[in-house]
Amino acid sequence: MKGQPGNKAAAPGRLSLVQDFVNSVNVEFGPDEFATADGFVGWLTRHGFEDLRPDDLDRRDAVTLREALRALLRENNGGDPTPGARATVEHIARDCPLVLGFDETGAIGLRPEKTDVRGALATVLAAVSDSVVDGSWSRLKACHEHRCEWVFYDRSRNRASRWCSMEICGTRSKMRAYRRSKKNA
């Protein structure tokens, strides 16, 4: 897991996989780990999905799923609903089947049926599903700063955090609002 802006802690449990999946690109400055098949292989390997060789379709599906999840995470931060994002997640999920299974501790949950790249994407989707059930999904948000959109976990008591970093993105946004108010005055 990459370092988090504003010294925020990463999302808890399996939700950190979703966070790192969506944060595989720095929207503002780059790079995009999924820009090449080799970059995608590196990400997969770092997250325990070893010996997978995605083709370009797999890589493009990962990018498409990542951006659909980012759109849903903007909604978690007060953004407008994105019906296309939901349809995209459902479309990709059709090829990433999940089955009920037990882990090494005996805990029951959704597990990928496949062990290929589709299984890796299914693991990300299973983490999304688990987080919806346990209530943590709504705390995972895309930064409200449109140039950033870094995904962070909102640990605030009232779940009102808007930016990945108040010092950077929060200040930018507030300065823009201040300049607009001076211009319109």
Protein backbone atom coordinates (compact mmCIF):
# COMPACT_ATOMS: atom_id res chain seq x y z
CA MET A 1 0.00 0.00 0.00
CA LYS A 2 1.35 3.37 -0.97
CA GLY A 3 1.76 6.16 1.55
CA GLN A 4 -1.41 8.11 2.13
CA PRO A 5 -1.70 11.90 1.82
CA GLY A 6 -2.17 13.80 5.06
CA ASN A 7 -0.65 10.85 6.96
CA LYS A 8 -4.01 9.06 6.84
CA ALA A 9 -4.03 5.37 7.57
CA ALA A 10 -4.94 2.97 4.79
CA ALA A 11 -8.41 1.46 4.69
CA PRO A 12 -8.90 -1.46 7.06
CA GLY A 13 -8.77 -5.12 6.07
CA ARG A 14 -9.55 -6.20 2.54
CA LEU A 15 -10.88 -2.73 1.71
CA SER A 16 -7.23 -1.63 1.47
CA LEU A 17 -7.00 -3.81 -1.67
CA VAL A 18 -9.81 -1.79 -3.28
CA GLN A 19 -8.12 1.44 -2.18
CA ASP A 20 -4.81 0.39 -3.70
CA PHE A 21 -6.52 -0.88 -6.85
CA VAL A 22 -8.17 2.50 -7.50
CA ASN A 23 -5.04 4.39 -6.43
CA SER A 24 -2.98 2.48 -9.01
CA VAL A 25 -2.90 5.77 -10.90
CA ASN A 26 -2.08 9.19 -9.54
CA VAL A 27 -4.73 11.15 -11.46
CA GLU A 28 -2.94 14.47 -11.13
CA PHE A 29 0.69 13.53 -11.72
CA GLY A 30 0.83 9.91 -12.91
CA PRO A 31 2.11 7.29 -13.29
CA ASP A 32 -0.55 4.74 -14.14
CA GLU A 33 0.51 1.27 -13.03
CA PHE A 34 -2.05 -0.23 -15.41
CA ALA A 35 -0.78 1.68 -18.46
CA THR A 36 1.17 -1.39 -19.55
CA ALA A 37 0.77 -5.13 -19.10
CA ASP A 38 4.09 -5.23 -17.21
CA GLY A 39 2.89 -2.54 -14.82
CA PHE A 40 -0.33 -4.45 -14.22
CA VAL A 41 1.66 -7.66 -13.61
CA GLY A 42 3.74 -5.76 -11.04
CA TRP A 43 0.62 -4.58 -9.22
CA LEU A 44 -0.88 -8.09 -9.28
CA THR A 45 2.33 -9.65 -7.94
CA ARG A 46 2.63 -7.10 -5.10
CA HIS A 47 -0.90 -8.02 -4.04
CA GLY A 48 -0.37 -11.78 -3.96
CA PHE A 49 -1.64 -12.63 -7.43
CA GLU A 50 1.52 -14.27 -8.66
CA ASP A 51 2.31 -15.96 -11.97
CA LEU A 52 -0.53 -14.23 -13.79
CA ARG A 53 0.03 -13.00 -17.32
CA PRO A 54 -2.76 -10.60 -18.25
CA ASP A 55 -3.37 -9.82 -21.87
CA ASP A 56 -4.27 -6.35 -23.09
CA LEU A 57 -8.00 -7.03 -22.71
CA ASP A 58 -7.45 -7.96 -19.04
CA ARG A 59 -5.44 -4.78 -18.54
CA ARG A 60 -8.11 -2.62 -20.19
CA ASP A 61 -10.83 -4.28 -18.10
CA ALA A 62 -8.81 -3.53 -14.95
CA VAL A 63 -8.56 0.15 -15.97
CA THR A 64 -12.29 0.25 -16.77
CA LEU A 65 -13.19 -1.36 -13.44
CA ARG A 66 -10.83 0.97 -11.58
CA GLU A 67 -12.44 4.08 -13.06
CA ALA A 68 -15.97 2.76 -12.45
CA LEU A 69 -15.07 2.15 -8.81
CA ARG A 70 -13.57 5.65 -8.60
CA ALA A 71 -16.89 7.06 -9.86
CA LEU A 72 -18.73 5.15 -7.12
CA LEU A 73 -16.24 6.47 -4.57
CA ARG A 74 -16.93 10.03 -5.74
CA GLU A 75 -20.57 9.32 -4.90
CA ASN A 76 -19.45 8.29 -1.41
CA ASN A 77 -18.05 11.82 -1.13
CA GLY A 78 -21.21 13.62 -2.21
CA GLY A 79 -20.75 13.33 -5.98
CA ASP A 80 -23.62 12.82 -8.38
CA PRO A 81 -24.73 9.23 -9.01
CA THR A 82 -23.10 7.61 -12.03
CA PRO A 83 -25.41 4.95 -13.48
CA GLY A 84 -22.79 4.07 -16.11
CA ALA A 85 -20.34 3.12 -13.36
CA ARG A 86 -22.80 0.67 -11.86
CA ALA A 87 -23.45 -0.89 -15.26
CA THR A 88 -19.70 -1.17 -15.88
CA VAL A 89 -19.07 -2.91 -12.56
CA GLU A 90 -21.93 -5.32 -13.25
CA HIS A 91 -20.66 -6.00 -16.78
CA ILE A 92 -17.11 -6.82 -15.64
CA ALA A 93 -18.39 -8.81 -12.65
CA ARG A 94 -20.19 -11.21 -15.02
CA ASP A 95 -16.80 -12.57 -16.07
CA CYS A 96 -15.44 -12.60 -12.51
CA PRO A 97 -17.58 -15.16 -10.68
CA LEU A 98 -17.61 -15.35 -6.91
CA VAL A 99 -18.54 -18.40 -4.89
CA LEU A 100 -19.20 -18.93 -1.22
CA GLY A 101 -16.15 -20.38 0.48
CA PHE A 102 -14.08 -20.59 3.64
CA ASP A 103 -10.67 -19.08 4.24
CA GLU A 104 -7.80 -20.68 6.17
CA THR A 105 -9.33 -19.53 9.49
CA GLY A 106 -12.71 -21.05 8.67
CA ALA A 107 -14.40 -17.69 8.03
CA ILE A 108 -17.10 -17.82 5.38
CA GLY A 109 -17.22 -15.29 2.57
CA LEU A 110 -17.17 -14.65 -1.14
CA ARG A 111 -14.16 -16.05 -2.96
CA PRO A 112 -13.17 -15.94 -6.64
CA GLU A 113 -14.07 -19.02 -8.62
CA LYS A 114 -11.15 -18.55 -11.00
CA THR A 115 -7.43 -18.31 -10.29
CA ASP A 116 -6.54 -16.18 -13.31
CA VAL A 117 -6.70 -12.41 -13.80
CA ARG A 118 -10.50 -12.63 -13.64
CA GLY A 119 -10.05 -14.16 -10.19
CA ALA A 120 -7.90 -11.20 -9.14
CA LEU A 121 -10.59 -8.76 -10.30
CA ALA A 122 -13.19 -10.93 -8.53
CA THR A 123 -11.16 -10.62 -5.32
CA VAL A 124 -11.36 -6.81 -5.60
CA LEU A 125 -15.11 -7.07 -6.19
CA ALA A 126 -15.51 -9.44 -3.23
CA ALA A 127 -13.77 -6.87 -1.02
CA VAL A 128 -16.24 -4.24 -2.26
CA SER A 129 -19.15 -6.56 -1.46
CA ASP A 130 -17.79 -7.37 2.00
CA SER A 131 -17.32 -3.67 2.78
CA VAL A 132 -20.89 -2.88 1.75
CA VAL A 133 -22.10 -5.58 4.14
CA ASP A 134 -19.92 -4.45 7.07
CA GLY A 135 -20.70 -0.74 6.49
CA SER A 136 -17.16 0.40 5.70
CA TRP A 137 -17.80 1.03 1.98
CA SER A 138 -19.32 4.47 2.59
CA ARG A 139 -16.13 5.57 4.36
CA LEU A 140 -13.97 4.89 1.30
CA LYS A 141 -14.05 8.07 -0.77
CA ALA A 142 -12.43 9.70 -3.77
CA CYS A 143 -10.93 13.07 -2.85
CA HIS A 144 -13.37 15.90 -3.56
CA GLU A 145 -10.58 17.86 -5.32
CA HIS A 146 -11.28 17.13 -8.99
CA ARG A 147 -7.61 17.23 -9.96
CA CYS A 148 -6.71 14.65 -7.33
CA GLU A 149 -9.40 12.00 -6.77
CA TRP A 150 -7.01 10.01 -4.56
CA VAL A 151 -8.97 7.38 -2.64
CA PHE A 152 -8.84 7.69 1.13
CA TYR A 153 -10.59 6.11 4.09
CA ASP A 154 -12.66 8.57 6.12
CA ARG A 155 -12.10 7.82 9.79
CA SER A 156 -13.81 10.99 11.01
CA ARG A 157 -16.53 10.47 13.59
CA ASN A 158 -19.19 12.18 11.45
CA ARG A 159 -17.90 10.74 8.13
CA ALA A 160 -17.57 14.26 6.74
CA SER A 161 -14.00 14.25 5.40
CA ARG A 162 -13.92 15.55 1.84
CA TRP A 163 -10.24 15.63 0.92
CA CYS A 164 -7.40 13.15 1.03
CA SER A 165 -5.32 15.91 2.63
CA MET A 166 -6.69 19.09 4.14
CA GLU A 167 -3.24 20.69 3.81
CA ILE A 168 -3.08 20.16 0.04
CA CYS A 169 -6.44 19.45 -1.58
CA GLY A 170 -8.57 21.15 1.07
CA THR A 171 -6.47 24.30 0.83
CA ARG A 172 -6.64 24.30 -2.97
CA SER A 173 -10.41 24.00 -2.93
CA LYS A 174 -10.87 26.69 -0.30
CA MET A 175 -8.54 29.07 -2.17
CA ARG A 176 -10.53 28.55 -5.37
CA ALA A 177 -13.77 29.31 -3.54
CA TYR A 178 -12.18 32.40 -1.97
CA ARG A 179 -10.97 33.68 -5.36
CA ARG A 180 -14.41 33.10 -6.87
CA SER A 181 -16.06 35.05 -4.07
CA LYS A 182 -13.63 37.97 -4.52
CA LYS A 183 -14.16 37.94 -8.28
CA ASN A 184 -17.96 37.97 -7.89
CA ALA A 185 -17.93 40.65 -5.19
